[in-house]
Amino acid sequence: MAKRTRVYLDVAVAKRTLGRVVVVLRDDVVPKTCENFRKLCEGAPGVRATYRGTRFHRIIPGFMCQGGDYERGDGTGGQSAFGGKFEDENFVLRHERAGVLSMANAGPNTNGSQFFITNDATPWLDGKHVVFGHVEAGMEVVRAMEGMGNADGKPKKRVHIVDCGVLDPEPVEPVGVKGTDRGETQRNNAGTSDRNVEGVKTTTEGGDNGPQADPVEERPGEAQEVDLESMNPRQRKFFELRLKLNQARNLNNKAVVAEKQRSENPGREQAEQKRKMYEESKKKWQDQLQSAGISSKEAYRLETSEQAERKYKKQKKKDESFGWDAYNQDSTYRAYEKRVEKMEPDMETYERMKREDGNFYQEKDTLSYGKAPRVPEENVERMVNEFKAVEEKRAKFSRRRAYRENQDIDHINKRNEAFNKKLDRAYGRYTDEIKANLERGTALPDS
């Protein structure tokens, strides 16, 4: 009977225990990667290479929880149980749902001790990270860990593994394909056609003789282990056709589920595309900075004039003067723009005056430096009219409180007015009733 390794991770936040996460390892698909994880979970006493005491240094809600760096604890260290790094075994399993256990790496064939658990489906990681297991129990603990994350990946509190180890293996019943005639082969295949055959393990020297299924949801305990050497050519051909049929069925199920999700939540796909575009543009920008040898503080050196203008406009909208900050550079510039917004310079007259004035381009050491130019009378008249308009506007402006004839003035300043409004909200209806009774003469006597 084939068995899959089961390991546990006891997780805590600071000094508070969250619970246990039980993980099933796919030894039947990626045995070396699973052996590496199992050895690091077991950990010998006094040996540093173990997950016990390590922390999840990177947690991003809606994405994943990453840990396993027993050397530095910040994602820059962590060798494998075999020493150094080891190659990517295969990419048969997919990041198709939350709770998938996968290897973190720094590029192809750089697997060490770091791993991550997905918080959602992450199909863009397929073909880049080796999936080697899934969460069997304790998904609520993973969700609690996710709640400790941030968009930048830095956890709000220390999330660490208190203890870890290996549990009793998960039994998986092998389904043998036997028989010498076509009828018996069809009966055996028909009995297992609806099963998840993603974990099929072949024993021939040539490796996989058929495609691996790609299920919508992995169901532990239903994988098959088939000995192809005991089959005749007809049985083997029929078995390969059954694998292709199951793969097509699972792909169709995935398409149906994806279409249902799109219809129920149309904005989710757009949000996912925007997030991918943002991550790609951010990575591209970081690559440009790195290739140019510029730090993030000097990133403005790579900005175009259009980008700088857009950035300035955004900053201009947000930068509002307040109180003692009323005379900062931005508010002074806005006041200048407000004063000159009605001025309409006549560029033709300006150019003509420059041509007529022979001393316009003279240096400051000449006798004509500082001499006022000849200004037309109509320009002087326009300037005087603008000054008069400003004076009239100032004369009309008043900060006095507006007079309302039908409103009782029961306050002496703004603070007193706010206090009276609070009293009116609490006791206004009683005051109105007493006032009406007094006016009508229906108030109760004192005795």
Protein backbone atom coordinates (compact mmCIF):
# COMPACT_ATOMS: atom_id res chain seq x y z
CA MET A 1 0.00 0.00 0.00
CA ALA A 2 1.45 3.35 -1.05
CA LYS A 3 1.68 6.05 1.58
CA ARG A 4 2.15 9.81 1.56
CA THR A 5 4.14 11.64 4.21
CA ARG A 6 2.19 13.86 6.61
CA VAL A 7 3.93 16.59 8.62
CA TYR A 8 2.70 19.18 11.10
CA LEU A 9 3.63 22.79 11.85
CA ASP A 10 2.57 24.31 15.20
CA VAL A 11 2.28 28.05 14.53
CA ALA A 12 2.18 30.96 17.01
CA VAL A 13 1.87 34.74 16.79
CA ALA A 14 4.22 36.34 19.33
CA LYS A 15 3.44 34.33 22.47
CA ARG A 16 -0.08 33.30 21.41
CA THR A 17 -0.54 29.87 19.85
CA LEU A 18 -2.63 29.82 16.66
CA GLY A 19 -2.87 26.07 16.12
CA ARG A 20 -1.54 23.21 14.02
CA VAL A 21 -1.25 23.01 10.25
CA VAL A 22 -1.13 19.44 8.87
CA VAL A 23 0.44 19.10 5.43
CA VAL A 24 0.36 16.13 3.05
CA LEU A 25 3.51 15.77 0.95
CA ARG A 26 3.33 14.43 -2.61
CA ASP A 27 6.12 11.86 -2.44
CA ASP A 28 4.63 10.14 -5.48
CA VAL A 29 5.28 13.17 -7.72
CA VAL A 30 8.30 15.02 -6.26
CA PRO A 31 10.07 12.61 -3.87
CA LYS A 32 13.34 14.56 -3.48
CA THR A 33 11.60 17.86 -2.67
CA CYS A 34 9.36 16.10 -0.15
CA GLU A 35 12.37 14.39 1.45
CA ASN A 36 14.06 17.77 1.86
CA PHE A 37 10.98 19.22 3.61
CA ARG A 38 10.50 16.11 5.78
CA LYS A 39 14.12 16.15 7.01
CA LEU A 40 13.90 19.84 7.90
CA CYS A 41 10.65 19.19 9.79
CA GLU A 42 12.18 16.28 11.72
CA GLY A 43 15.40 18.12 12.60
CA ALA A 44 17.94 16.40 14.82
CA PRO A 45 18.57 17.78 18.35
CA GLY A 46 21.25 20.47 18.30
CA VAL A 47 21.19 20.68 14.49
CA ARG A 48 20.55 24.14 13.11
CA ALA A 49 18.91 22.97 9.87
CA THR A 50 15.32 22.70 11.09
CA TYR A 51 12.09 24.63 10.77
CA ARG A 52 11.59 24.56 14.54
CA GLY A 53 11.81 28.14 15.84
CA THR A 54 11.86 29.78 12.39
CA ARG A 55 9.43 32.50 11.41
CA PHE A 56 7.26 33.41 8.43
CA HIS A 57 9.15 36.50 7.30
CA ARG A 58 6.88 37.40 4.35
CA ILE A 59 3.07 37.34 4.48
CA ILE A 60 0.97 39.00 1.76
CA PRO A 61 -2.85 38.75 2.10
CA GLY A 62 -4.47 37.15 -0.91
CA PHE A 63 -1.10 35.79 -2.06
CA MET A 64 1.01 33.61 0.25
CA CYS A 65 2.82 33.05 3.59
CA GLN A 66 6.58 32.44 3.15
CA GLY A 67 9.01 31.03 5.71
CA GLY A 68 11.71 28.42 6.23
CA ASP A 69 14.82 30.64 6.42
CA TYR A 70 16.52 29.00 9.43
CA GLU A 71 19.82 30.83 8.82
CA ARG A 72 18.90 34.53 8.77
CA GLY A 73 15.11 34.66 9.07
CA ASP A 74 14.73 37.39 6.46
CA GLY A 75 14.48 35.42 3.20
CA THR A 76 18.18 35.71 2.26
CA GLY A 77 19.38 32.35 3.62
CA GLY A 78 18.39 28.75 4.13
CA GLN A 79 20.17 25.76 2.58
CA SER A 80 18.50 22.46 1.80
CA ALA A 81 18.74 19.36 3.95
CA PHE A 82 21.20 17.97 1.40
CA GLY A 83 23.47 21.03 1.70
CA GLY A 84 23.43 23.97 -0.72
CA LYS A 85 20.71 24.21 -3.35
CA PHE A 86 19.07 21.52 -5.49
CA GLU A 87 17.41 21.49 -8.88
CA ASP A 88 13.70 21.84 -9.74
CA GLU A 89 12.29 18.33 -9.78
CA ASN A 90 9.24 18.94 -11.99
CA PHE A 91 6.25 21.27 -12.36
CA VAL A 92 3.48 18.68 -12.57
CA LEU A 93 1.44 20.00 -9.65
CA ARG A 94 -0.17 23.43 -9.94
CA HIS A 95 -0.80 26.47 -7.76
CA GLU A 96 -4.52 26.09 -8.32
CA ARG A 97 -6.05 26.92 -4.93
CA ALA A 98 -5.40 28.12 -1.41
CA GLY A 99 -3.38 25.84 0.85
CA VAL A 100 -0.85 24.71 -1.76
CA LEU A 101 2.67 24.06 -0.41
CA SER A 102 5.43 25.16 -2.79
CA MET A 103 9.17 25.88 -2.80
CA ALA A 104 10.45 29.45 -2.74
CA ASN A 105 13.51 30.11 -4.87
CA ALA A 106 15.76 32.78 -6.34
CA GLY A 107 15.46 31.47 -9.90
CA PRO A 108 15.62 28.13 -11.70
CA ASN A 109 17.24 25.25 -9.76
CA THR A 110 17.85 27.24 -6.55
CA ASN A 111 15.67 25.32 -4.08
CA GLY A 112 16.82 25.46 -0.46
CA SER A 113 14.82 25.42 2.76
CA GLN A 114 12.36 28.25 2.10
CA PHE A 115 8.76 27.41 1.24
CA PHE A 116 5.39 29.14 1.05
CA ILE A 117 1.70 28.33 1.50
CA THR A 118 -0.69 29.99 -0.94
CA ASN A 119 -3.66 32.04 0.31
CA ASP A 120 -5.39 31.85 -3.06
CA ALA A 121 -4.90 30.40 -6.54
CA THR A 122 -1.64 31.71 -8.03
CA PRO A 123 -1.44 30.27 -11.56
CA TRP A 124 1.29 32.71 -12.65
CA LEU A 125 3.72 30.75 -10.43
CA ASP A 126 3.19 27.52 -12.39
CA GLY A 127 6.37 26.41 -14.08
CA LYS A 128 8.52 28.58 -11.79
CA HIS A 129 8.05 27.05 -8.33
CA VAL A 130 7.83 23.34 -7.45
CA VAL A 131 4.57 22.36 -5.73
CA PHE A 132 5.10 19.42 -3.38
CA GLY A 133 2.08 19.25 -1.07
CA HIS A 134 -1.11 20.78 0.27
CA VAL A 135 -2.73 21.66 3.60
CA GLU A 136 -4.86 18.78 4.84
CA ALA A 137 -6.01 20.36 8.11
CA GLY A 138 -5.59 23.71 9.80
CA MET A 139 -6.54 26.03 6.97
CA GLU A 140 -8.09 28.32 9.57
CA VAL A 141 -4.60 28.73 11.04
CA VAL A 142 -3.29 29.75 7.62
CA ARG A 143 -6.09 32.33 7.36
CA ALA A 144 -5.14 33.70 10.79
CA MET A 145 -1.53 33.94 9.61
CA GLU A 146 -2.74 35.78 6.51
CA GLY A 147 -4.44 38.33 8.77
CA MET A 148 -1.03 39.22 10.20
CA GLY A 149 0.33 40.22 6.77
CA ASN A 150 0.69 43.49 4.89
CA ALA A 151 0.82 44.51 1.25
CA ASP A 152 4.59 45.00 1.54
CA GLY A 153 5.01 41.50 2.99
CA LYS A 154 6.22 42.54 6.46
CA PRO A 155 4.10 40.82 9.16
CA LYS A 156 2.41 42.98 11.79
CA LYS A 157 3.65 40.62 14.53
CA ARG A 158 6.17 37.78 14.72
CA VAL A 159 4.62 34.64 13.20
CA HIS A 160 6.80 31.61 13.91
CA ILE A 161 6.84 27.80 14.00
CA VAL A 162 6.90 26.59 17.60
CA ASP A 163 7.24 22.91 16.78
CA CYS A 164 7.17 20.64 13.74
CA GLY A 165 7.53 16.96 12.92
CA VAL A 166 6.29 13.96 10.98
CA LEU A 167 2.92 12.25 11.59
CA ASP A 168 1.69 8.81 10.60
CA PRO A 169 1.69 8.56 6.80
CA GLU A 170 -1.51 8.87 4.82
CA PRO A 171 -2.52 5.51 3.27
CA VAL A 172 -3.31 5.49 -0.44
CA GLU A 173 -4.86 2.36 -1.90
CA PRO A 174 -3.12 1.34 -5.14
CA VAL A 175 -5.41 0.50 -7.98
CA GLY A 176 -3.87 -2.22 -10.10
CA VAL A 177 -4.87 -2.76 -13.73
CA LYS A 178 -4.84 -6.45 -14.41
CA GLY A 179 -6.45 -8.86 -16.78
CA THR A 180 -5.60 -10.45 -20.09
CA ASP A 181 -8.63 -9.72 -22.18
CA ARG A 182 -10.17 -6.50 -23.36
CA GLY A 183 -13.38 -6.90 -21.40
CA GLU A 184 -11.61 -7.15 -18.02
CA THR A 185 -9.39 -4.17 -18.85
CA GLN A 186 -12.42 -2.05 -19.70
CA ARG A 187 -14.12 -3.05 -16.44
CA ASN A 188 -11.08 -2.08 -14.38
CA ASN A 189 -10.66 1.21 -16.22
CA ALA A 190 -14.34 2.07 -15.96
CA GLY A 191 -14.17 1.62 -12.20
CA THR A 192 -11.45 4.24 -11.87
CA SER A 193 -12.20 6.66 -14.71
CA ASP A 194 -13.74 9.24 -12.38
CA ARG A 195 -10.82 9.25 -9.98
CA ASN A 196 -8.15 11.90 -9.69
CA VAL A 197 -5.13 10.37 -11.41
CA GLU A 198 -2.76 13.25 -10.96
CA GLY A 199 -0.57 11.15 -8.66
CA VAL A 200 -0.03 8.23 -11.08
CA LYS A 201 3.42 6.77 -10.56
CA THR A 202 4.95 4.67 -13.32
CA THR A 203 7.64 2.09 -12.68
CA THR A 204 9.04 1.70 -16.17
CA GLU A 205 12.56 2.91 -16.83
CA GLY A 206 11.37 5.35 -19.45
CA GLY A 207 9.54 7.53 -16.89
CA ASP A 208 6.03 8.84 -17.55
CA ASN A 209 4.29 7.08 -20.41
CA GLY A 210 1.22 9.31 -20.33
CA PRO A 211 0.25 12.89 -19.49
CA GLN A 212 -0.50 13.83 -15.90
CA ALA A 213 -4.02 14.94 -15.10
CA ASP A 214 -4.59 18.52 -13.98
CA PRO A 215 -7.55 18.39 -11.56
CA VAL A 216 -9.68 21.26 -10.34
CA GLU A 217 -9.40 20.11 -6.75
CA GLU A 218 -6.99 17.57 -5.36
CA ARG A 219 -8.60 14.81 -3.31
CA PRO A 220 -6.03 13.06 -1.09
CA GLY A 221 -6.33 9.32 -0.92
CA GLU A 222 -7.56 8.81 -4.50
CA ALA A 223 -4.27 8.69 -6.38
CA GLN A 224 -3.43 5.54 -8.28
CA GLU A 225 -0.23 3.61 -8.51
CA VAL A 226 -0.16 1.47 -11.63
CA ASP A 227 2.40 -1.05 -12.77
CA LEU A 228 2.59 -0.64 -16.53
CA GLU A 229 4.96 -3.59 -16.91
CA SER A 230 2.14 -6.01 -16.11
CA MET A 231 -0.01 -4.64 -18.99
CA ASN A 232 -0.11 -5.83 -22.55
CA PRO A 233 0.10 -3.21 -25.35
CA ARG A 234 -3.68 -2.98 -25.69
CA GLN A 235 -4.20 -2.41 -21.96
CA ARG A 236 -1.43 0.20 -21.84
CA LYS A 237 -2.92 2.05 -24.82
CA PHE A 238 -6.34 2.01 -23.19
CA PHE A 239 -4.85 3.27 -19.92
CA GLU A 240 -3.17 6.21 -21.70
CA LEU A 241 -6.45 7.09 -23.41
CA ARG A 242 -8.17 7.07 -20.04
CA LEU A 243 -5.56 9.46 -18.65
CA LYS A 244 -6.15 11.85 -21.54
CA LEU A 245 -9.91 11.60 -21.01
CA ASN A 246 -9.54 12.45 -17.31
CA GLN A 247 -7.25 15.34 -18.14
CA ALA A 248 -9.77 16.74 -20.62
CA ARG A 249 -12.58 16.34 -18.07
CA ASN A 250 -10.61 18.16 -15.39
CA LEU A 251 -9.66 20.99 -17.73
CA ASN A 252 -13.32 21.36 -18.67
CA ASN A 253 -14.28 21.48 -14.98
CA LYS A 254 -11.69 24.20 -14.39
CA ALA A 255 -13.09 26.22 -17.29
CA VAL A 256 -16.64 25.87 -15.92
CA VAL A 257 -15.56 27.00 -12.44
CA ALA A 258 -13.62 29.95 -13.88
CA GLU A 259 -16.62 30.99 -16.00
CA LYS A 260 -18.90 30.79 -12.96
CA GLN A 261 -16.51 32.95 -10.91
CA ARG A 262 -16.39 35.53 -13.71
CA SER A 263 -20.19 35.68 -13.90
CA GLU A 264 -20.65 35.92 -10.12
CA ASN A 265 -17.88 38.46 -9.59
CA PRO A 266 -17.11 40.30 -12.85
CA GLY A 267 -14.74 42.76 -11.19
CA ARG A 268 -12.44 40.10 -9.75
CA GLU A 269 -10.77 39.26 -13.06
CA GLN A 270 -10.20 42.95 -13.84
CA ALA A 271 -8.74 43.51 -10.37
CA GLU A 272 -6.43 40.52 -10.86
CA GLN A 273 -5.27 41.84 -14.22
CA LYS A 274 -4.62 45.28 -12.72
CA ARG A 275 -2.62 43.73 -9.90
CA LYS A 276 -0.53 41.72 -12.38
CA MET A 277 0.06 44.79 -14.52
CA TYR A 278 1.11 46.77 -11.44
CA GLU A 279 3.53 44.03 -10.33
CA GLU A 280 5.00 43.75 -13.83
CA SER A 281 5.47 47.52 -14.14
CA LYS A 282 6.99 47.69 -10.67
CA LYS A 283 9.43 44.87 -11.48
CA LYS A 284 10.32 46.52 -14.79
CA TRP A 285 10.99 49.82 -12.99
CA GLN A 286 13.21 48.06 -10.43
CA ASP A 287 15.15 46.38 -13.24
CA GLN A 288 15.68 49.75 -14.92
CA LEU A 289 17.00 51.25 -11.69
CA GLN A 290 19.30 48.29 -11.13
CA SER A 291 20.66 48.35 -14.69
CA ALA A 292 21.29 52.09 -14.43
CA GLY A 293 22.93 51.73 -11.02
CA ILE A 294 20.53 54.21 -9.39
CA SER A 295 18.99 53.90 -5.93
CA SER A 296 15.28 54.36 -5.28
CA LYS A 297 15.93 57.81 -3.79
CA GLU A 298 17.39 58.97 -7.12
CA ALA A 299 14.65 57.41 -9.27
CA TYR A 300 13.54 60.86 -10.40
CA ARG A 301 16.58 60.94 -12.69
CA LEU A 302 14.88 58.42 -14.99
CA GLU A 303 11.57 60.30 -15.17
CA THR A 304 10.52 61.91 -18.43
CA SER A 305 9.16 65.44 -18.57
CA GLU A 306 5.60 64.09 -18.99
CA GLN A 307 5.96 61.85 -15.92
CA ALA A 308 7.39 64.73 -13.87
CA GLU A 309 4.49 66.98 -14.94
CA ARG A 310 1.87 64.39 -13.96
CA LYS A 311 3.59 63.87 -10.62
CA TYR A 312 3.67 67.62 -10.01
CA LYS A 313 -0.05 67.95 -10.75
CA LYS A 314 -0.89 65.19 -8.27
CA GLN A 315 1.28 66.81 -5.65
CA LYS A 316 -0.32 70.17 -6.37
CA LYS A 317 -3.79 68.80 -5.70
CA LYS A 318 -2.78 67.32 -2.37
CA ASP A 319 -0.67 70.23 -1.12
CA GLU A 320 -3.16 72.55 0.57
CA SER A 321 -2.08 75.39 2.86
CA PHE A 322 -3.39 75.30 6.42
CA GLY A 323 -3.03 77.66 9.38
CA TRP A 324 0.54 78.70 10.02
CA ASP A 325 1.50 76.96 6.77
CA ALA A 326 -0.40 79.59 4.74
CA TYR A 327 2.80 81.25 3.55
CA ASN A 328 4.66 78.25 2.19
CA GLN A 329 6.08 78.21 -1.31
CA ASP A 330 3.06 76.54 -2.88
CA SER A 331 0.47 78.92 -1.38
CA THR A 332 2.58 81.94 -2.37
CA TYR A 333 2.74 80.66 -5.93
CA ARG A 334 -1.05 80.12 -6.02
CA ALA A 335 -1.59 83.67 -4.77
CA TYR A 336 0.67 84.98 -7.55
CA GLU A 337 -1.27 83.00 -10.17
CA LYS A 338 -4.52 84.40 -8.78
CA ARG A 339 -3.24 87.98 -9.09
CA VAL A 340 -2.03 87.63 -12.67
CA GLU A 341 -4.82 85.38 -14.04
CA LYS A 342 -6.60 88.39 -15.62
CA MET A 343 -3.47 89.85 -17.17
CA GLU A 344 -3.27 89.27 -20.91
CA PRO A 345 0.20 90.18 -22.18
CA ASP A 346 0.44 91.53 -25.70
CA MET A 347 3.47 89.74 -27.13
CA GLU A 348 3.43 91.72 -30.39
CA THR A 349 3.71 95.02 -28.50
CA TYR A 350 6.43 93.56 -26.32
CA GLU A 351 8.54 92.47 -29.29
CA ARG A 352 8.00 95.82 -31.01
CA MET A 353 9.18 97.71 -27.91
CA LYS A 354 12.30 95.56 -27.73
CA ARG A 355 13.15 96.37 -31.32
CA GLU A 356 12.57 100.09 -30.82
CA ASP A 357 14.62 100.30 -27.61
CA GLY A 358 18.27 100.26 -28.61
CA ASN A 359 19.46 99.85 -25.01
CA PHE A 360 17.33 96.78 -24.28
CA TYR A 361 20.22 94.32 -24.62
CA GLN A 362 22.85 96.57 -22.97
CA GLU A 363 24.82 95.30 -20.01
CA LYS A 364 24.16 96.61 -16.49
CA ASP A 365 27.32 98.74 -16.45
CA THR A 366 25.82 101.16 -19.00
CA LEU A 367 24.28 104.47 -17.97
CA SER A 368 20.87 103.39 -19.22
CA TYR A 369 20.67 100.42 -16.80
CA GLY A 370 17.66 100.74 -14.49
CA LYS A 371 15.92 103.34 -16.63
CA ALA A 372 12.17 102.78 -16.92
CA PRO A 373 10.98 101.86 -20.42
CA ARG A 374 8.48 103.93 -22.37
CA VAL A 375 5.09 102.44 -21.51
CA PRO A 376 1.99 103.34 -23.56
CA GLU A 377 -0.70 105.33 -21.79
CA GLU A 378 -3.35 102.66 -22.40
CA ASN A 379 -1.23 100.09 -20.52
CA VAL A 380 -0.89 102.42 -17.54
CA GLU A 381 -4.65 103.02 -17.59
CA ARG A 382 -5.32 99.25 -17.63
CA MET A 383 -3.02 98.71 -14.64
CA VAL A 384 -4.76 101.50 -12.68
CA ASN A 385 -8.17 99.96 -13.43
CA GLU A 386 -6.97 96.56 -12.17
CA PHE A 387 -5.79 98.11 -8.91
CA LYS A 388 -9.14 99.86 -8.49
CA ALA A 389 -11.00 96.58 -9.07
CA VAL A 390 -8.91 94.91 -6.36
CA GLU A 391 -9.63 97.73 -3.90
CA GLU A 392 -13.39 97.53 -4.60
CA LYS A 393 -13.36 93.78 -4.05
CA ARG A 394 -11.58 94.18 -0.73
CA ALA A 395 -14.08 96.85 0.36
CA LYS A 396 -17.00 94.50 -0.33
CA PHE A 397 -15.45 91.59 1.58
CA SER A 398 -16.47 91.20 5.23
CA ARG A 399 -15.89 88.52 7.87
CA ARG A 400 -18.86 89.61 9.95
CA ARG A 401 -21.56 87.08 10.83
CA ALA A 402 -24.52 87.14 8.47
CA TYR A 403 -27.67 88.68 9.94
CA ARG A 404 -30.78 86.48 9.89
CA GLU A 405 -33.92 88.27 10.95
CA ASN A 406 -35.91 85.19 12.01
CA GLN A 407 -33.12 83.52 13.94
CA ASP A 408 -32.46 84.12 17.63
CA ILE A 409 -28.88 85.04 18.39
CA ASP A 410 -28.09 83.20 21.63
CA HIS A 411 -24.31 83.04 21.44
CA ILE A 412 -21.36 85.38 21.76
CA ASN A 413 -18.80 83.42 19.72
CA LYS A 414 -18.40 80.26 17.66
CA ARG A 415 -17.50 78.09 20.62
CA ASN A 416 -20.59 79.21 22.52
CA GLU A 417 -22.72 78.60 19.41
CA ALA A 418 -21.47 74.99 19.13
CA PHE A 419 -22.24 74.39 22.83
CA ASN A 420 -25.75 75.77 22.44
CA LYS A 421 -26.36 73.44 19.49
CA LYS A 422 -25.43 70.46 21.66
CA LEU A 423 -27.88 71.62 24.32
CA ASP A 424 -30.57 72.05 21.70
CA ARG A 425 -30.05 68.50 20.40
CA ALA A 426 -30.41 67.08 23.90
CA TYR A 427 -33.14 69.29 25.40
CA GLY A 428 -34.57 71.25 22.45
CA ARG A 429 -37.91 69.48 22.28
CA TYR A 430 -38.57 70.08 26.00
CA THR A 431 -37.62 73.73 25.65
CA ASP A 432 -39.97 74.20 22.68
CA GLU A 433 -42.83 72.56 24.58
CA ILE A 434 -42.33 74.76 27.68
CA LYS A 435 -42.06 77.88 25.52
CA ALA A 436 -45.31 77.02 23.68
CA ASN A 437 -47.14 76.37 26.95
CA LEU A 438 -46.00 79.70 28.35
CA GLU A 439 -47.14 81.53 25.21
CA ARG A 440 -50.54 79.80 25.22
CA GLY A 441 -50.98 80.17 28.99
CA THR A 442 -51.32 76.40 29.43
CA ALA A 443 -48.23 75.93 31.60
CA LEU A 444 -48.79 74.09 34.89
CA PRO A 445 -48.81 76.29 37.99
CA ASP A 446 -46.04 76.04 40.54
CA SER A 447 -48.37 74.57 43.18
